[in-house]
Amino acid sequence: TDVTGERQHGYCKRVHSRDSVQPQVYCIISKLGCFALYGRLLSKLEELYSVSDAAVKGFLTGCISHNIPAPGSQVTVSHLNHRTGQFEEVVIERPMDGQRLEHVQLGGLLQILQIEQVIQLFASVLLERRILISSSHHHLSRLSGCVSSIATLTYPLQWECIFIPMLPRQMIHAVLAPTPFLIGALAEDLREVERDLAQEEEPMLHLNLDTGQFISCYGDEETLLPPKSREMLRRALGEAVFDLGVDEERDNRAISEVFLLFMYKILGHYKNHLVSVGRRPSV
């Protein structure tokens, strides 16, 4: 995330090397946040890597020749199958509602945390506070997914501050920044700045996913939302929780729609409070 709020997304896939013990990593950097599209592409690269470097290069050449598909559409990449000697097609789709439901684990978030904790996270995102989510390296994928999920809770509003779903160890001191951020970090890496975090005067909401407990907070999280609005959201989430666990995609959509409806109810009538000024006001 740069100073203007523009983001560059990194999509990575580790593959086992054919010639050495050390694995290799494919990484795609893009300004487009579309995990499903790039995830499909990286999975195909992993498959072709087991064949040959030429197969990988041929597929990437085919991808580059196409424009990125519009939301809800797809692109078909044709490449040479070096095993059969024939061309084959790979269909890569871009979801219609990717910004809200891409790489999220909203159902999993509510299975880890209590409803009240999720509401506190939601309110903290609305107020653009410093939010740190940590977990052990055993739950790396869950950590990244949960941080991405938290960022989507205020949709259609978008988190414009620092956003790093998985903070590299070399950048761990970024959690000491005084500016608003939403960062996911490994608990093992945070030990390096543990003393600095304890001495900080600037408050921060720090959640440990492994224990489901807040390590630090601002202290006013329970009062950030108006009581009636808070209770309405709590009831809606409580009803949604009963049906969790059937299907991940369905869970994500159901929880997302609870927050989307809430945002609509508090923001949907904003035009009623805008006053049109026919001429510039006098000084």
Protein backbone atom coordinates (compact mmCIF):
# COMPACT_ATOMS: atom_id res chain seq x y z
CA THR A 1 0.00 0.00 0.00
CA ASP A 2 1.59 3.30 -1.05
CA VAL A 3 1.01 6.81 0.29
CA THR A 4 -1.97 7.36 -2.05
CA GLY A 5 -3.74 4.15 -1.00
CA GLU A 6 -2.83 2.30 -4.21
CA ARG A 7 -2.08 -1.37 -3.61
CA GLN A 8 0.03 -3.97 -5.26
CA HIS A 9 -0.98 -7.54 -4.56
CA GLY A 10 1.47 -10.41 -4.40
CA TYR A 11 0.30 -13.94 -5.25
CA CYS A 12 2.79 -16.71 -4.47
CA LYS A 13 3.00 -20.46 -5.03
CA ARG A 14 5.82 -22.63 -3.71
CA VAL A 15 6.76 -25.60 -5.87
CA HIS A 16 9.15 -28.43 -5.18
CA SER A 17 12.29 -28.11 -7.25
CA ARG A 18 13.10 -30.83 -9.75
CA ASP A 19 16.85 -30.50 -9.29
CA SER A 20 17.48 -29.44 -5.69
CA VAL A 21 16.17 -29.84 -2.16
CA GLN A 22 15.23 -26.16 -1.88
CA PRO A 23 11.75 -25.31 -3.19
CA GLN A 24 11.15 -22.56 -5.73
CA VAL A 25 8.47 -19.88 -5.66
CA TYR A 26 6.39 -18.36 -8.43
CA CYS A 27 5.23 -14.84 -7.57
CA ILE A 28 2.84 -12.61 -9.48
CA ILE A 29 2.65 -8.89 -8.63
CA SER A 30 -0.49 -7.11 -9.77
CA LYS A 31 -2.57 -4.05 -8.95
CA LEU A 32 -5.63 -6.27 -9.34
CA GLY A 33 -6.99 -7.95 -6.23
CA CYS A 34 -8.27 -11.22 -7.65
CA PHE A 35 -7.12 -14.29 -5.73
CA ALA A 36 -9.28 -16.78 -7.63
CA LEU A 37 -7.95 -15.76 -11.03
CA TYR A 38 -4.29 -15.70 -10.05
CA GLY A 39 -4.66 -18.74 -7.81
CA ARG A 40 -5.92 -20.76 -10.78
CA LEU A 41 -3.02 -19.50 -12.87
CA LEU A 42 -0.44 -20.39 -10.22
CA SER A 43 -1.92 -23.86 -9.74
CA LYS A 44 -1.52 -24.48 -13.47
CA LEU A 45 2.06 -23.24 -13.31
CA GLU A 46 2.79 -25.72 -10.52
CA GLU A 47 1.37 -28.52 -12.65
CA LEU A 48 3.42 -27.51 -15.71
CA TYR A 49 6.59 -27.03 -13.67
CA SER A 50 6.70 -30.79 -13.10
CA VAL A 51 6.84 -31.20 -16.89
CA SER A 52 9.49 -28.70 -18.02
CA ASP A 53 10.53 -25.05 -18.00
CA ALA A 54 9.50 -24.85 -21.64
CA ALA A 55 5.93 -25.83 -20.68
CA VAL A 56 5.84 -23.08 -18.07
CA LYS A 57 7.19 -20.48 -20.48
CA GLY A 58 4.70 -21.47 -23.18
CA PHE A 59 1.76 -21.14 -20.80
CA LEU A 60 2.93 -17.76 -19.48
CA THR A 61 3.40 -16.52 -23.04
CA GLY A 62 -0.21 -17.51 -23.78
CA CYS A 63 -1.46 -15.72 -20.64
CA ILE A 64 0.38 -12.48 -21.44
CA SER A 65 -1.22 -12.34 -24.87
CA HIS A 66 -4.69 -11.94 -23.26
CA ASN A 67 -6.22 -9.00 -21.45
CA ILE A 68 -7.42 -9.53 -17.88
CA PRO A 69 -11.07 -10.67 -18.07
CA ALA A 70 -13.83 -8.42 -16.79
CA PRO A 71 -15.63 -9.42 -13.56
CA GLY A 72 -17.92 -12.37 -14.24
CA SER A 73 -16.15 -13.36 -17.47
CA GLN A 74 -13.32 -15.71 -18.37
CA VAL A 75 -10.32 -16.10 -20.64
CA THR A 76 -9.20 -19.24 -22.46
CA VAL A 77 -5.44 -19.79 -22.70
CA SER A 78 -4.18 -22.21 -25.33
CA HIS A 79 -0.76 -23.83 -24.83
CA LEU A 80 1.22 -26.81 -26.04
CA ASN A 81 1.08 -29.93 -23.88
CA HIS A 82 4.67 -31.18 -24.03
CA ARG A 83 3.64 -34.66 -22.93
CA THR A 84 1.05 -35.29 -25.66
CA GLY A 85 2.41 -32.87 -28.26
CA GLN A 86 -1.05 -31.35 -28.67
CA PHE A 87 -2.50 -27.98 -27.76
CA GLU A 88 -4.86 -27.78 -24.80
CA GLU A 89 -7.00 -25.01 -23.39
CA VAL A 90 -7.11 -23.70 -19.84
CA VAL A 91 -10.12 -21.62 -18.75
CA ILE A 92 -9.40 -18.96 -16.12
CA GLU A 93 -12.44 -17.22 -14.62
CA ARG A 94 -12.75 -13.94 -12.76
CA PRO A 95 -15.57 -13.93 -10.18
CA MET A 96 -18.29 -11.32 -10.43
CA ASP A 97 -18.11 -10.36 -6.74
CA GLY A 98 -14.41 -10.87 -6.16
CA GLN A 99 -13.75 -7.79 -4.04
CA ARG A 100 -16.19 -8.97 -1.37
CA LEU A 101 -15.73 -12.75 -1.42
CA GLU A 102 -12.20 -13.37 -2.73
CA HIS A 103 -9.80 -15.23 -0.42
CA VAL A 104 -12.03 -14.79 2.64
CA GLN A 105 -12.82 -17.11 5.51
CA LEU A 106 -15.72 -15.30 7.16
CA GLY A 107 -17.31 -18.52 8.34
CA GLY A 108 -14.00 -19.67 9.80
CA LEU A 109 -13.55 -16.30 11.49
CA LEU A 110 -16.85 -16.71 13.33
CA GLN A 111 -15.94 -20.26 14.30
CA ILE A 112 -12.69 -19.04 15.87
CA LEU A 113 -14.00 -15.86 17.51
CA GLN A 114 -17.08 -14.89 19.44
CA ILE A 115 -19.65 -12.69 17.72
CA GLU A 116 -18.81 -9.79 20.04
CA GLN A 117 -15.15 -9.96 19.04
CA VAL A 118 -16.02 -9.88 15.34
CA ILE A 119 -18.21 -6.82 15.92
CA GLN A 120 -15.32 -5.12 17.72
CA LEU A 121 -13.02 -5.85 14.79
CA PHE A 122 -15.64 -4.51 12.39
CA ALA A 123 -16.02 -1.26 14.36
CA SER A 124 -12.25 -0.87 14.56
CA VAL A 125 -11.95 -1.20 10.79
CA LEU A 126 -14.64 1.48 10.36
CA LEU A 127 -12.59 3.82 12.54
CA GLU A 128 -9.34 2.98 10.68
CA ARG A 129 -7.39 1.91 13.74
CA ARG A 130 -4.15 -0.03 14.15
CA ILE A 131 -5.15 -3.69 13.89
CA LEU A 132 -2.72 -6.58 14.23
CA ILE A 133 -3.73 -10.21 13.76
CA SER A 134 -1.21 -12.88 14.77
CA SER A 135 -1.00 -16.67 14.59
CA SER A 136 1.60 -19.42 14.60
CA HIS A 137 3.27 -20.58 11.40
CA HIS A 138 1.15 -23.75 11.56
CA HIS A 139 -1.89 -21.69 10.54
CA LEU A 140 -0.33 -19.45 7.89
CA SER A 141 -3.12 -19.85 5.33
CA ARG A 142 -5.82 -19.27 7.95
CA LEU A 143 -4.06 -16.10 9.11
CA SER A 144 -3.88 -14.64 5.61
CA GLY A 145 -7.51 -15.57 4.91
CA CYS A 146 -8.81 -14.09 8.17
CA VAL A 147 -6.97 -10.79 7.68
CA SER A 148 -8.38 -10.54 4.15
CA SER A 149 -11.82 -11.35 5.59
CA ILE A 150 -11.63 -8.55 8.15
CA ALA A 151 -10.76 -6.07 5.39
CA THR A 152 -13.99 -6.92 3.53
CA LEU A 153 -16.37 -6.46 6.48
CA THR A 154 -17.05 -2.81 5.61
CA TYR A 155 -17.80 -3.44 1.92
CA PRO A 156 -18.68 -1.40 -0.17
CA LEU A 157 -16.25 0.82 1.74
CA GLN A 158 -12.65 -0.18 1.22
CA TRP A 159 -9.75 -0.20 3.66
CA GLU A 160 -7.40 2.48 2.28
CA CYS A 161 -4.64 2.34 4.88
CA ILE A 162 -1.70 -0.05 5.19
CA PHE A 163 -2.88 -3.57 4.43
CA ILE A 164 -0.53 -6.57 4.65
CA PRO A 165 -2.26 -9.97 5.06
CA MET A 166 1.08 -11.68 5.77
CA LEU A 167 3.96 -9.54 7.01
CA PRO A 168 7.44 -10.88 6.14
CA ARG A 169 9.84 -11.31 9.04
CA GLN A 170 12.24 -8.79 7.51
CA MET A 171 9.52 -6.11 7.79
CA ILE A 172 8.27 -6.99 11.27
CA HIS A 173 9.05 -3.51 12.61
CA ALA A 174 6.15 -2.22 10.47
CA VAL A 175 3.82 -3.18 13.36
CA LEU A 176 5.35 -0.25 15.30
CA ALA A 177 4.12 2.29 12.74
CA PRO A 178 1.94 5.02 14.32
CA THR A 179 -0.40 5.09 11.31
CA PRO A 180 -3.57 2.97 10.84
CA PHE A 181 -2.89 -0.51 9.51
CA LEU A 182 -4.39 -3.96 9.13
CA ILE A 183 -1.56 -6.48 9.34
CA GLY A 184 -1.23 -10.23 9.75
CA ALA A 185 1.99 -11.49 11.33
CA LEU A 186 3.40 -14.73 12.66
CA ALA A 187 3.53 -14.90 16.46
CA GLU A 188 7.08 -16.24 16.23
CA ASP A 189 8.22 -13.16 14.30
CA LEU A 190 6.59 -10.76 16.78
CA ARG A 191 8.96 -11.91 19.51
CA GLU A 192 11.60 -9.70 17.90
CA VAL A 193 9.55 -6.58 18.69
CA GLU A 194 7.81 -7.87 21.83
CA ARG A 195 9.55 -5.40 24.12
CA ASP A 196 8.85 -2.47 21.78
CA LEU A 197 5.17 -3.38 21.58
CA ALA A 198 4.92 -3.53 25.38
CA GLN A 199 6.43 -0.04 25.69
CA GLU A 200 4.28 1.60 23.02
CA GLU A 201 2.07 4.49 24.08
CA GLU A 202 -0.02 4.36 20.89
CA PRO A 203 -2.91 1.88 21.41
CA MET A 204 -3.43 -1.07 19.09
CA LEU A 205 -6.00 -3.83 18.69
CA HIS A 206 -3.98 -7.07 18.69
CA LEU A 207 -5.81 -10.37 18.20
CA ASN A 208 -4.20 -13.80 18.50
CA LEU A 209 -6.09 -16.23 16.27
CA ASP A 210 -4.68 -19.31 18.00
CA THR A 211 -6.18 -18.40 21.37
CA GLY A 212 -9.06 -16.30 20.06
CA GLN A 213 -8.15 -13.57 22.56
CA PHE A 214 -7.26 -9.89 22.29
CA ILE A 215 -3.70 -9.33 23.52
CA SER A 216 -4.14 -5.56 23.55
CA CYS A 217 -6.96 -3.16 22.70
CA TYR A 218 -8.01 0.49 22.85
CA GLY A 219 -10.45 -0.17 25.67
CA ASP A 220 -13.52 1.41 24.08
CA GLU A 221 -14.33 -1.25 21.48
CA GLU A 222 -17.68 -2.11 23.07
CA THR A 223 -18.94 1.47 22.74
CA LEU A 224 -17.94 2.25 19.15
CA LEU A 225 -21.28 1.36 17.56
CA PRO A 226 -24.65 2.80 18.66
CA PRO A 227 -26.41 0.30 21.01
CA LYS A 228 -29.38 -0.34 18.70
CA SER A 229 -27.20 -0.85 15.64
CA ARG A 230 -24.86 -3.09 17.60
CA GLU A 231 -27.71 -5.26 18.84
CA MET A 232 -29.19 -5.52 15.33
CA LEU A 233 -25.84 -6.73 13.98
CA ARG A 234 -25.33 -9.14 16.87
CA ARG A 235 -28.73 -10.77 16.32
CA ALA A 236 -28.20 -11.10 12.56
CA LEU A 237 -24.79 -12.71 13.05
CA GLY A 238 -26.22 -15.03 15.70
CA GLU A 239 -28.81 -16.30 13.24
CA ALA A 240 -26.18 -16.79 10.52
CA VAL A 241 -23.86 -18.75 12.83
CA PHE A 242 -26.41 -21.55 13.27
CA ASP A 243 -26.06 -22.54 9.61
CA LEU A 244 -22.26 -22.41 9.39
CA GLY A 245 -20.15 -25.38 8.33
CA VAL A 246 -22.30 -26.70 5.48
CA ASP A 247 -20.40 -25.11 2.60
CA GLU A 248 -17.50 -22.62 2.79
CA GLU A 249 -18.65 -20.50 -0.15
CA ARG A 250 -22.19 -20.37 1.23
CA ASP A 251 -20.88 -19.47 4.70
CA ASN A 252 -18.79 -16.61 3.30
CA ARG A 253 -21.69 -15.22 1.32
CA ALA A 254 -24.15 -15.47 4.22
CA ILE A 255 -21.86 -13.66 6.68
CA SER A 256 -20.87 -11.07 4.09
CA GLU A 257 -24.51 -10.28 3.38
CA VAL A 258 -25.15 -9.65 7.07
CA PHE A 259 -22.51 -6.91 7.10
CA LEU A 260 -23.56 -5.62 3.67
CA LEU A 261 -27.15 -5.20 4.89
CA PHE A 262 -25.88 -3.43 8.01
CA MET A 263 -23.79 -1.02 5.90
CA TYR A 264 -26.81 -0.37 3.70
CA LYS A 265 -29.01 0.45 6.69
CA ILE A 266 -26.55 2.96 8.13
CA LEU A 267 -25.36 4.48 4.84
CA GLY A 268 -28.13 3.82 2.30
CA HIS A 269 -29.95 7.07 3.06
CA TYR A 270 -26.89 9.32 3.01
CA LYS A 271 -28.26 11.35 0.07
CA ASN A 272 -31.10 12.56 2.28
CA HIS A 273 -28.54 14.47 4.33
CA LEU A 274 -26.80 16.20 1.44
CA VAL A 275 -27.76 19.80 0.75
CA SER A 276 -27.31 21.18 -2.75
CA VAL A 277 -25.71 24.61 -2.74
CA GLY A 278 -26.83 26.64 -5.75
CA ARG A 279 -24.08 29.20 -5.38
CA ARG A 280 -20.89 29.46 -3.43
CA PRO A 281 -21.51 30.61 0.13
CA SER A 282 -20.39 34.12 0.99
CA VAL A 283 -17.39 34.58 3.25
